[in-house]
N, C-alpha and C. Protein backbone atom coordinates (compact mmCIF):
# COMPACT_ATOMS: atom_id res chain seq x y z
N MET A 1 154.18 41.49 5.50
CA MET A 1 154.49 42.14 4.36
C MET A 1 155.17 43.40 4.74
N GLU A 2 156.00 43.74 3.60
CA GLU A 2 157.06 45.21 3.86
C GLU A 2 156.11 46.23 3.30
N PRO A 3 156.48 47.53 3.48
CA PRO A 3 155.84 48.54 3.28
C PRO A 3 156.70 49.07 2.05
N TYR A 4 155.62 49.64 0.65
CA TYR A 4 156.73 50.41 -0.01
C TYR A 4 156.73 51.77 0.35
N LEU A 5 155.88 52.73 0.89
CA LEU A 5 156.32 54.29 1.46
C LEU A 5 156.18 53.91 2.72
N GLU A 6 156.96 54.93 3.53
CA GLU A 6 156.26 55.19 4.69
C GLU A 6 156.12 56.26 4.89
N LEU A 7 155.23 57.06 5.66
CA LEU A 7 155.17 58.58 5.88
C LEU A 7 155.31 58.90 7.60
N GLU A 8 156.34 59.92 8.00
CA GLU A 8 156.28 60.50 9.02
C GLU A 8 155.19 60.88 9.66
N GLU A 9 155.02 60.36 11.06
CA GLU A 9 153.77 60.44 11.75
C GLU A 9 154.00 61.41 12.50
N ASN A 10 153.42 62.36 13.06
CA ASN A 10 153.37 63.20 14.17
C ASN A 10 151.72 63.17 14.78
N ASP A 11 151.87 64.16 15.94
CA ASP A 11 150.51 64.25 16.44
C ASP A 11 149.13 64.36 15.81
N HIS A 12 149.59 64.79 14.82
CA HIS A 12 148.55 65.90 14.19
C HIS A 12 147.66 64.46 13.51
N ILE A 13 145.71 64.81 13.22
CA ILE A 13 145.28 63.58 12.63
C ILE A 13 145.35 63.68 11.48
N MET A 14 145.46 64.82 10.88
CA MET A 14 146.10 64.31 9.46
C MET A 14 146.61 63.68 8.97
N SER A 15 148.26 64.14 9.84
CA SER A 15 149.39 62.88 9.56
C SER A 15 149.29 61.65 9.79
N ILE A 16 148.41 61.46 10.78
CA ILE A 16 148.25 59.57 11.21
C ILE A 16 147.46 59.50 10.49
N LEU A 17 145.76 60.09 10.00
CA LEU A 17 145.44 59.12 8.82
C LEU A 17 146.01 59.10 7.47
N ALA A 18 147.04 59.97 6.76
CA ALA A 18 147.89 59.78 5.91
C ALA A 18 148.43 58.49 6.01
N ALA A 19 149.20 58.58 7.24
CA ALA A 19 149.73 57.36 7.46
C ALA A 19 149.19 55.63 7.06
N ARG A 20 147.65 56.18 7.90
CA ARG A 20 146.90 54.80 8.18
C ARG A 20 146.61 54.34 6.43
N LEU A 21 146.07 55.40 5.80
CA LEU A 21 145.91 55.07 4.58
C LEU A 21 147.04 54.41 3.63
N MET A 22 148.32 55.19 3.64
CA MET A 22 149.29 54.68 2.92
C MET A 22 149.61 53.43 3.76
N ASP A 23 149.33 52.88 4.42
CA ASP A 23 149.35 51.26 5.30
C ASP A 23 148.54 50.70 4.34
N HIS A 24 146.88 51.05 3.74
CA HIS A 24 146.46 50.35 3.14
C HIS A 24 146.71 50.14 1.50
N ALA A 25 147.68 51.56 1.31
CA ALA A 25 147.71 51.69 -0.03
C ALA A 25 148.82 50.08 -0.22
N ASN A 26 149.84 50.37 0.46
CA ASN A 26 151.04 49.40 0.75
C ASN A 26 150.48 47.71 0.83
N SER A 27 149.20 47.64 1.94
CA SER A 27 148.74 46.43 1.84
C SER A 27 148.16 45.73 0.08
N LEU A 28 147.54 46.73 -0.09
CA LEU A 28 146.77 46.35 -1.32
C LEU A 28 148.07 46.27 -2.61
N ARG A 29 149.05 46.37 -2.74
CA ARG A 29 149.94 46.89 -3.44
C ARG A 29 150.47 45.18 -3.11
N ASN A 30 151.10 44.94 -1.93
CA ASN A 30 151.62 43.65 -1.21
C ASN A 30 150.93 42.29 -1.65
N LEU A 31 149.59 42.71 -1.43
CA LEU A 31 148.47 41.62 -2.09
C LEU A 31 148.66 41.18 -3.38
N VAL A 32 148.68 42.22 -4.39
CA VAL A 32 148.56 42.24 -5.47
C VAL A 32 149.90 41.49 -6.04
N LYS A 33 151.01 41.96 -5.47
CA LYS A 33 152.32 41.25 -5.41
C LYS A 33 152.38 39.96 -5.24
N ASN A 34 151.83 39.64 -4.23
CA ASN A 34 152.01 38.40 -3.58
C ASN A 34 151.03 37.60 -3.98
N ILE A 35 150.14 37.77 -4.76
CA ILE A 35 148.47 36.97 -4.53
C ILE A 35 149.04 35.64 -4.97
N ASP A 36 149.63 34.59 -5.30
CA ASP A 36 150.06 33.66 -5.41
C ASP A 36 150.45 32.46 -4.80
N THR A 37 151.03 33.27 -3.57
CA THR A 37 152.02 32.97 -2.44
C THR A 37 151.31 33.36 -1.44
N LEU A 38 150.31 33.98 -1.02
CA LEU A 38 149.76 34.29 0.29
C LEU A 38 148.93 33.15 0.58
N GLU A 39 148.88 32.92 1.79
CA GLU A 39 147.37 31.99 2.27
C GLU A 39 146.90 32.99 2.96
N SER A 40 146.70 33.97 3.27
CA SER A 40 145.80 34.64 4.32
C SER A 40 146.48 36.35 4.35
N VAL A 41 145.75 36.81 4.56
CA VAL A 41 146.32 38.73 4.87
C VAL A 41 145.62 38.94 6.08
N PRO A 42 146.40 39.81 6.98
CA PRO A 42 145.81 40.12 8.40
C PRO A 42 144.50 40.62 8.39
N GLY A 43 143.83 40.20 9.81
CA GLY A 43 142.65 40.74 9.58
C GLY A 43 142.28 42.46 10.06
N HIS A 44 141.52 42.64 10.12
CA HIS A 44 141.52 44.40 10.28
C HIS A 44 141.91 44.74 11.91
N HIS A 45 141.70 43.26 12.65
CA HIS A 45 142.35 43.98 14.20
C HIS A 45 143.65 43.58 14.03
N ASP A 46 144.45 43.44 13.27
CA ASP A 46 145.79 43.27 13.17
C ASP A 46 146.14 44.35 12.51
N CYS A 47 145.45 45.23 11.97
CA CYS A 47 146.68 46.24 10.74
C CYS A 47 147.03 47.42 12.24
N LYS A 48 147.45 48.55 11.58
CA LYS A 48 148.12 49.60 12.43
C LYS A 48 147.00 50.71 12.51
N PHE A 49 146.03 50.69 11.62
CA PHE A 49 144.67 51.36 11.45
C PHE A 49 144.36 51.29 12.95
N ASP A 50 143.56 49.76 12.99
CA ASP A 50 142.71 49.50 14.13
C ASP A 50 143.44 49.56 15.36
N LYS A 51 144.26 49.36 15.48
CA LYS A 51 145.52 49.52 16.40
C LYS A 51 145.63 50.94 17.03
N TRP A 52 145.50 51.88 16.08
CA TRP A 52 145.43 53.03 16.58
C TRP A 52 143.93 53.56 17.13
N VAL A 53 143.09 52.89 16.31
CA VAL A 53 141.27 53.51 16.63
C VAL A 53 141.32 52.78 18.27
N ASP A 54 142.02 51.56 17.89
CA ASP A 54 141.57 51.05 20.10
C ASP A 54 141.81 52.06 20.59
N GLY A 55 142.75 52.49 20.54
CA GLY A 55 143.21 53.55 21.40
C GLY A 55 142.58 55.19 21.60
N ASN A 56 142.25 55.30 20.15
CA ASN A 56 141.17 56.33 20.03
C ASN A 56 139.92 56.41 19.83
N LYS A 57 138.86 55.56 19.73
CA LYS A 57 138.09 55.40 19.71
C LYS A 57 137.05 56.71 20.06
N GLU A 58 136.70 56.57 21.37
CA GLU A 58 135.86 57.83 21.71
C GLU A 58 136.35 59.03 21.16
N ALA A 59 137.20 59.80 20.99
CA ALA A 59 137.33 60.60 20.15
C ALA A 59 137.43 60.64 18.76
N LEU A 60 137.47 59.53 17.83
CA LEU A 60 136.87 59.22 16.53
C LEU A 60 135.87 59.48 16.37
N SER A 61 135.15 58.85 17.75
CA SER A 61 133.68 58.85 17.20
C SER A 61 132.95 60.14 16.83
N LYS A 62 133.42 60.90 17.28
CA LYS A 62 132.89 62.50 17.58
C LYS A 62 132.40 62.99 15.63
N ALA A 63 133.44 62.23 15.13
CA ALA A 63 133.02 62.30 13.45
C ALA A 63 132.40 61.23 13.49
N HIS A 64 131.50 61.74 12.46
CA HIS A 64 130.05 61.20 11.79
C HIS A 64 131.10 59.89 10.88
N SER A 65 132.19 60.45 10.06
CA SER A 65 132.04 59.55 9.22
C SER A 65 132.78 58.09 9.49
N PHE A 66 133.29 58.45 11.13
CA PHE A 66 134.24 57.50 11.33
C PHE A 66 133.72 55.97 11.21
N ASN A 67 132.31 55.43 11.65
CA ASN A 67 131.64 54.34 11.33
C ASN A 67 131.37 53.72 10.60
N ARG A 68 131.67 54.64 9.17
CA ARG A 68 131.90 54.15 8.05
C ARG A 68 132.92 53.47 7.42
N LEU A 69 133.70 54.59 7.88
CA LEU A 69 135.41 54.30 7.38
C LEU A 69 135.65 52.80 8.28
N TYR A 70 135.43 52.59 9.52
CA TYR A 70 135.46 51.41 10.54
C TYR A 70 134.98 50.19 9.77
N ASN A 71 133.62 50.38 9.16
CA ASN A 71 133.38 49.76 8.73
C ASN A 71 133.77 49.01 7.35
N HIS A 72 134.06 49.81 6.48
CA HIS A 72 134.73 49.95 5.01
C HIS A 72 136.08 48.81 5.16
N HIS A 73 136.75 49.49 6.18
CA HIS A 73 137.85 48.79 6.17
C HIS A 73 137.93 47.97 6.83
N ARG A 74 136.71 46.99 7.77
CA ARG A 74 136.75 45.80 8.19
C ARG A 74 136.43 45.01 6.72
N ASP A 75 135.77 45.63 6.20
CA ASP A 75 135.35 44.87 4.36
C ASP A 75 136.45 44.45 3.91
N PHE A 76 137.08 45.65 4.09
CA PHE A 76 138.51 45.37 2.75
C PHE A 76 139.15 44.09 3.71
N HIS A 77 139.59 44.29 4.68
CA HIS A 77 140.29 43.05 5.07
C HIS A 77 139.35 41.86 5.07
N ALA A 78 138.46 41.83 5.32
CA ALA A 78 138.02 40.56 4.66
C ALA A 78 137.73 40.22 3.35
N ASP A 79 137.63 40.77 2.50
CA ASP A 79 137.65 40.83 1.04
C ASP A 79 138.86 40.50 0.55
N ALA A 80 139.45 40.96 0.97
CA ALA A 80 141.21 40.77 0.52
C ALA A 80 141.56 39.07 1.09
N ASN A 81 140.94 38.59 2.27
CA ASN A 81 141.46 37.45 2.62
C ASN A 81 140.48 36.34 1.75
N VAL A 82 139.22 36.78 1.27
CA VAL A 82 138.58 36.12 0.23
C VAL A 82 138.97 35.72 -0.85
N LEU A 83 140.01 36.80 -1.67
CA LEU A 83 140.78 37.01 -2.64
C LEU A 83 141.61 36.00 -2.88
N VAL A 84 142.21 36.03 -1.35
CA VAL A 84 143.19 35.20 -1.05
C VAL A 84 143.22 33.44 -1.19
N ARG A 85 141.86 33.35 -0.93
CA ARG A 85 141.64 31.94 -0.75
C ARG A 85 141.05 31.32 -2.26
N GLU A 86 140.16 32.37 -2.73
CA GLU A 86 139.90 32.41 -4.29
C GLU A 86 140.06 33.10 -5.34
N THR A 87 141.06 33.54 -5.62
CA THR A 87 141.88 34.44 -6.82
C THR A 87 140.75 34.17 -8.29
N THR A 88 139.61 34.96 -8.31
CA THR A 88 138.55 35.31 -9.28
C THR A 88 138.32 36.60 -9.39
N ILE A 89 138.31 36.97 -10.50
CA ILE A 89 137.71 38.62 -11.64
C ILE A 89 136.55 39.20 -10.44
N ALA A 90 135.51 38.41 -9.69
CA ALA A 90 134.67 38.84 -9.34
C ALA A 90 135.33 39.11 -8.08
N ASN A 91 136.30 38.22 -7.09
CA ASN A 91 136.92 38.65 -5.65
C ASN A 91 137.72 39.66 -5.99
N ALA A 92 138.43 39.95 -6.79
CA ALA A 92 139.36 41.24 -7.22
C ALA A 92 138.35 42.11 -7.40
N GLU A 93 137.43 42.51 -8.28
CA GLU A 93 136.57 43.55 -8.21
C GLU A 93 135.75 44.08 -7.15
N LYS A 94 135.80 42.95 -6.15
CA LYS A 94 134.94 43.40 -5.05
C LYS A 94 135.93 43.92 -3.83
N LEU A 95 137.08 43.30 -3.98
CA LEU A 95 138.60 44.05 -3.64
C LEU A 95 138.48 45.56 -3.52
N ILE A 96 138.63 45.76 -5.48
CA ILE A 96 138.82 46.74 -5.41
C ILE A 96 137.73 47.78 -5.14
N SER A 97 136.53 47.28 -5.50
CA SER A 97 135.31 48.26 -4.76
C SER A 97 135.84 48.18 -3.28
N SER A 98 135.92 47.74 -2.41
CA SER A 98 136.48 47.72 -0.70
C SER A 98 137.45 49.06 -0.75
N ALA A 99 138.57 48.28 -1.67
CA ALA A 99 139.57 49.27 -1.50
C ALA A 99 139.17 51.01 -1.76
N GLU A 100 138.63 51.24 -2.76
CA GLU A 100 137.69 52.51 -3.03
C GLU A 100 136.86 53.16 -1.99
N ASN A 101 135.84 52.12 -1.30
CA ASN A 101 135.12 52.78 -0.59
C ASN A 101 136.12 53.21 0.71
N VAL A 102 137.22 52.71 0.98
CA VAL A 102 138.46 52.80 2.32
C VAL A 102 138.61 54.06 1.89
N LEU A 103 139.02 54.58 0.58
CA LEU A 103 139.74 55.92 0.29
C LEU A 103 138.80 56.56 0.17
N GLU A 104 137.45 56.49 0.24
CA GLU A 104 136.52 57.54 -0.14
C GLU A 104 136.01 58.01 1.39
N SER A 105 136.07 57.30 2.47
CA SER A 105 135.74 57.11 4.21
C SER A 105 136.93 57.47 4.57
N PHE A 106 138.24 57.78 4.21
CA PHE A 106 139.35 58.28 4.53
C PHE A 106 139.25 60.05 4.35
N MET A 107 138.81 60.04 3.48
CA MET A 107 138.79 61.24 2.39
C MET A 107 137.42 62.45 3.15
N ALA A 108 136.38 61.52 3.71
CA ALA A 108 135.58 62.05 4.15
C ALA A 108 135.58 62.39 5.73
N LEU A 109 136.84 61.35 6.06
CA LEU A 109 136.80 61.53 7.40
C LEU A 109 137.85 62.80 7.98
N SER A 110 139.08 62.82 6.63
CA SER A 110 139.62 64.04 6.52
C SER A 110 139.04 65.43 6.97
N LYS A 111 137.85 65.49 6.36
CA LYS A 111 136.95 66.84 6.10
C LYS A 111 136.28 66.96 7.69
N GLU A 112 136.26 65.78 8.67
CA GLU A 112 135.59 65.88 9.97
C GLU A 112 136.62 66.15 10.77
N ALA A 113 138.10 66.26 10.46
CA ALA A 113 139.31 66.36 11.03
C ALA A 113 139.23 67.33 12.10
N HIS A 114 139.12 68.13 12.24
CA HIS A 114 138.29 69.24 13.07
C HIS A 114 137.64 69.00 14.28
N LEU A 115 137.06 67.81 14.27
CA LEU A 115 136.29 67.33 15.32
C LEU A 115 137.09 66.02 16.37
N ILE A 116 138.02 66.20 15.69
CA ILE A 116 138.68 65.00 16.14
C ILE A 116 139.88 65.75 17.08
N LYS A 117 139.37 65.64 18.48
CA LYS A 117 140.85 65.66 19.77
C LYS A 117 141.45 64.43 20.28
N LEU A 118 142.57 64.23 19.35
CA LEU A 118 143.26 62.92 20.37
C LEU A 118 143.90 63.96 21.42
């Protein structure tokens, strides 16, 4: 899937979080645009957020909201794949709820950014 927007990243945690949030917005946009032709979407271990997390888990765990974001992120990818397999209103609503949870969790983590030393 091609991104719609890209943010310039630097080593500042807020820049990185913004870029990863933009990745998810672009993923959701691509999913909606291509729902009829997709067979699956990447799992949560295959996206830039999780790859970044893997290299920074110890630092990120200093923020209490990190685990909530990680779990919501995993759910988002699972719900996206469910929607691709079975395109129903109920599954679309569940994905929208997951996307909202990811956004809220990113915002919560951004408020704790001062605790994260990369």
